[in-house]
Amino acid sequence: MSGSSVPSAYAVLLRGVNVGGGRKVLSADLRAVAQDAGFAGARTLLNSGNLVVSPGTSGASGPDDVARLVRAGLARRLGLDVDVLALTGADLERAVAANPFPEAAGQDPSHLLLTFYPAAPDPERVAALDPLAYGVEHMAWSGPVSYTWYQGGVGTSRLTPAVLLRTVGLWGTARNWNTVTKLAGLVDAAG
């Protein structure tokens, strides 16, 4: 998602962990995976698969390397195959700046979800998605990020990660507005 220069810090997002009974990744384990891979300054945010790291001695030269190293470490340490996405501070800044729902960010930030994808989905597939069919009135896209304001609550919505995966053909991982802005602040402070 980012340019060619090597950033000084990354936000690492794990998909589908610590939601329900299965795939548990404790914050301590996630930090240990990062340290084992040679990342510096490993910090976690909440217990929902959010990590901020600096390249350290990892040899990572970009977001794809960061994601690959963390994914491999999770497989080695915990025996889990987890989708991992690494974002730069610039990626997070762009996502925050492109928010089409500033009212939601200010008044209902826990119900405004940004879903980050490894690449921008095919525009035809995005156009085929009718969020109103799932009871969601506010949804927009900016490149590899979707913005969904779940006014009735996230847990009761019929616009689920499985629906999004099936419709756009790519996996994504969602974080609410509060988490995204906190991650952006941590990446900025680590840089």
Protein backbone atom coordinates (compact mmCIF):
# COMPACT_ATOMS: atom_id res chain seq x y z
CA MET A 1 0.00 0.00 0.00
CA SER A 2 2.88 2.42 0.37
CA GLY A 3 5.74 3.92 -1.59
CA SER A 4 9.33 2.80 -2.13
CA SER A 5 11.21 4.35 0.82
CA VAL A 6 11.52 2.26 3.97
CA PRO A 7 9.31 3.69 6.73
CA SER A 8 10.53 3.85 10.29
CA ALA A 9 7.41 2.18 11.74
CA TYR A 10 4.45 0.03 10.70
CA ALA A 11 1.02 -0.86 12.01
CA VAL A 12 0.46 -4.59 11.68
CA LEU A 13 -3.14 -5.81 11.57
CA LEU A 14 -4.08 -9.45 12.06
CA ARG A 15 -7.30 -10.70 10.51
CA GLY A 16 -9.83 -12.80 12.39
CA VAL A 17 -8.08 -13.28 15.72
CA ASN A 18 -9.55 -12.97 19.21
CA VAL A 19 -13.11 -12.82 17.88
CA GLY A 20 -14.95 -15.88 19.12
CA GLY A 21 -13.49 -19.03 20.53
CA GLY A 22 -10.78 -20.08 18.09
CA ARG A 23 -7.71 -18.26 16.91
CA LYS A 24 -6.33 -16.64 20.05
CA VAL A 25 -3.29 -14.41 19.79
CA LEU A 26 -2.44 -12.80 23.10
CA SER A 27 -0.75 -9.40 23.00
CA ALA A 28 2.31 -10.84 24.76
CA ASP A 29 2.62 -13.54 22.09
CA LEU A 30 2.25 -10.99 19.31
CA ARG A 31 5.02 -8.83 20.79
CA ALA A 32 7.20 -11.93 21.19
CA VAL A 33 6.65 -12.85 17.53
CA ALA A 34 7.77 -9.35 16.55
CA GLN A 35 10.83 -9.49 18.79
CA ASP A 36 11.78 -12.97 17.51
CA ALA A 37 11.64 -11.58 13.94
CA GLY A 38 14.02 -8.76 14.86
CA PHE A 39 11.53 -5.90 14.98
CA ALA A 40 12.18 -3.11 17.46
CA GLY A 41 9.78 -1.28 19.76
CA ALA A 42 6.96 -3.82 19.49
CA ARG A 43 3.77 -2.39 21.00
CA THR A 44 0.27 -3.80 20.92
CA LEU A 45 -3.01 -1.92 21.04
CA LEU A 46 -5.96 -3.65 22.63
CA ASN A 47 -6.07 -7.43 22.45
CA SER A 48 -7.41 -7.62 18.92
CA GLY A 49 -4.40 -8.22 16.70
CA ASN A 50 -2.90 -4.73 16.47
CA LEU A 51 0.86 -4.29 16.58
CA VAL A 52 3.20 -1.38 15.95
CA VAL A 53 6.84 -2.13 15.11
CA SER A 54 9.99 -0.56 13.72
CA PRO A 55 12.16 -2.59 11.30
CA GLY A 56 15.00 -3.07 13.80
CA THR A 57 17.21 -5.96 12.65
CA SER A 58 14.35 -7.78 10.89
CA GLY A 59 15.63 -6.99 7.42
CA ALA A 60 12.12 -5.88 6.40
CA SER A 61 12.24 -3.47 3.50
CA GLY A 62 8.55 -2.66 3.29
CA PRO A 63 5.03 -3.56 4.40
CA ASP A 64 4.95 -6.87 2.51
CA ASP A 65 8.13 -8.04 4.27
CA VAL A 66 6.74 -6.97 7.65
CA ALA A 67 3.50 -8.88 7.05
CA ARG A 68 5.37 -11.97 5.81
CA LEU A 69 7.68 -12.05 8.84
CA VAL A 70 4.84 -11.63 11.33
CA ARG A 71 2.73 -14.27 9.58
CA ALA A 72 5.63 -16.73 9.58
CA GLY A 73 6.31 -16.00 13.25
CA LEU A 74 2.68 -16.67 14.18
CA ALA A 75 2.84 -20.00 12.37
CA ARG A 76 6.09 -20.96 14.14
CA ARG A 77 5.17 -19.79 17.63
CA LEU A 78 1.43 -20.50 17.77
CA GLY A 79 0.77 -22.86 14.86
CA LEU A 80 -1.69 -20.37 13.36
CA ASP A 81 -2.05 -19.34 9.73
CA VAL A 82 -3.26 -15.74 10.01
CA ASP A 83 -3.75 -13.14 7.31
CA VAL A 84 -1.53 -10.16 8.17
CA LEU A 85 -1.49 -6.68 6.71
CA ALA A 86 1.18 -4.07 7.45
CA LEU A 87 0.50 -0.37 6.95
CA THR A 88 2.81 2.61 6.99
CA GLY A 89 2.07 5.86 8.74
CA ALA A 90 1.36 7.37 5.31
CA ASP A 91 -1.18 4.60 4.62
CA LEU A 92 -2.96 5.37 7.88
CA GLU A 93 -2.83 9.14 7.28
CA ARG A 94 -4.40 8.68 3.83
CA ALA A 95 -7.12 6.46 5.27
CA VAL A 96 -7.95 8.99 7.99
CA ALA A 97 -7.90 11.94 5.57
CA ALA A 98 -10.17 10.16 3.08
CA ASN A 99 -12.91 9.46 5.66
CA PRO A 100 -16.20 10.33 3.93
CA PHE A 101 -18.16 10.22 7.19
CA PRO A 102 -16.75 12.91 9.51
CA GLU A 103 -20.04 13.02 11.43
CA ALA A 104 -19.63 9.34 12.33
CA ALA A 105 -16.00 9.89 13.32
CA GLY A 106 -17.06 12.62 15.71
CA GLN A 107 -20.32 11.26 17.09
CA ASP A 108 -20.23 7.48 16.63
CA PRO A 109 -16.57 6.43 16.17
CA SER A 110 -16.98 2.91 17.52
CA HIS A 111 -19.49 2.12 14.76
CA LEU A 112 -17.40 3.57 11.92
CA LEU A 113 -15.30 0.70 10.59
CA LEU A 114 -12.42 1.03 8.18
CA THR A 115 -11.68 -2.23 6.41
CA PHE A 116 -8.17 -2.45 5.03
CA TYR A 117 -7.51 -4.71 2.03
CA PRO A 118 -4.14 -5.88 0.66
CA ALA A 119 -5.02 -4.13 -2.63
CA ALA A 120 -7.83 -2.05 -4.05
CA PRO A 121 -10.68 -4.37 -5.06
CA ASP A 122 -11.86 -4.53 -8.65
CA PRO A 123 -14.11 -1.45 -9.18
CA GLU A 124 -16.75 -3.59 -10.91
CA ARG A 125 -17.00 -5.88 -7.90
CA VAL A 126 -17.24 -2.89 -5.56
CA ALA A 127 -19.98 -1.38 -7.75
CA ALA A 128 -21.90 -4.66 -7.54
CA LEU A 129 -22.04 -4.41 -3.74
CA ASP A 130 -25.29 -2.84 -2.58
CA PRO A 131 -24.85 -2.08 1.12
CA LEU A 132 -28.54 -1.12 1.37
CA ALA A 133 -29.41 -4.76 0.68
CA TYR A 134 -27.70 -5.52 4.00
CA GLY A 135 -29.26 -2.64 5.92
CA VAL A 136 -26.21 -0.35 5.76
CA GLU A 137 -26.86 3.17 4.54
CA HIS A 138 -23.36 4.61 4.71
CA MET A 139 -20.53 2.86 2.90
CA ALA A 140 -17.78 4.26 0.68
CA TRP A 141 -14.41 3.22 -0.72
CA SER A 142 -11.05 4.90 -1.16
CA GLY A 143 -8.56 2.62 -2.89
CA PRO A 144 -7.81 -0.36 -0.62
CA VAL A 145 -9.99 0.91 2.25
CA SER A 146 -13.74 0.70 2.77
CA TYR A 147 -15.59 2.92 5.25
CA THR A 148 -18.78 1.57 6.75
CA TRP A 149 -20.91 3.36 9.32
CA TYR A 150 -22.87 0.66 11.13
CA GLN A 151 -25.44 2.93 12.75
CA GLY A 152 -27.47 -0.02 14.05
CA GLY A 153 -24.38 -1.74 15.47
CA VAL A 154 -21.70 -3.91 13.95
CA GLY A 155 -22.65 -7.19 15.60
CA THR A 156 -26.21 -7.21 14.27
CA SER A 157 -25.42 -6.12 10.71
CA ARG A 158 -25.94 -8.45 7.78
CA LEU A 159 -22.99 -6.78 5.99
CA THR A 160 -20.44 -9.18 7.45
CA PRO A 161 -16.79 -9.85 6.63
CA ALA A 162 -17.92 -13.04 4.83
CA VAL A 163 -20.29 -11.03 2.61
CA LEU A 164 -17.53 -8.53 1.81
CA LEU A 165 -15.04 -11.31 1.01
CA ARG A 166 -17.52 -13.06 -1.27
CA THR A 167 -18.55 -9.85 -3.02
CA VAL A 168 -15.22 -8.06 -3.52
CA GLY A 169 -13.09 -11.20 -3.77
CA LEU A 170 -10.41 -10.05 -1.31
CA TRP A 171 -9.99 -10.52 2.41
CA GLY A 172 -9.87 -7.43 4.55
CA THR A 173 -9.45 -6.62 8.19
CA ALA A 174 -11.56 -3.99 9.93
CA ARG A 175 -10.83 -1.59 12.76
CA ASN A 176 -13.07 1.09 14.19
CA TRP A 177 -12.26 4.77 13.87
CA ASN A 178 -10.90 5.03 17.42
CA THR A 179 -8.47 2.15 16.86
CA VAL A 180 -7.29 3.48 13.48
CA THR A 181 -6.53 6.93 14.87
CA LYS A 182 -4.74 5.44 17.90
CA LEU A 183 -2.66 3.20 15.63
CA ALA A 184 -1.80 6.22 13.46
CA GLY A 185 -0.63 8.06 16.57
CA LEU A 186 1.50 5.14 17.73
CA VAL A 187 3.13 4.73 14.30
CA ASP A 188 3.80 8.47 14.16
CA ALA A 189 5.34 8.44 17.66
CA ALA A 190 7.50 5.41 16.78
CA GLY A 191 8.81 7.13 13.63
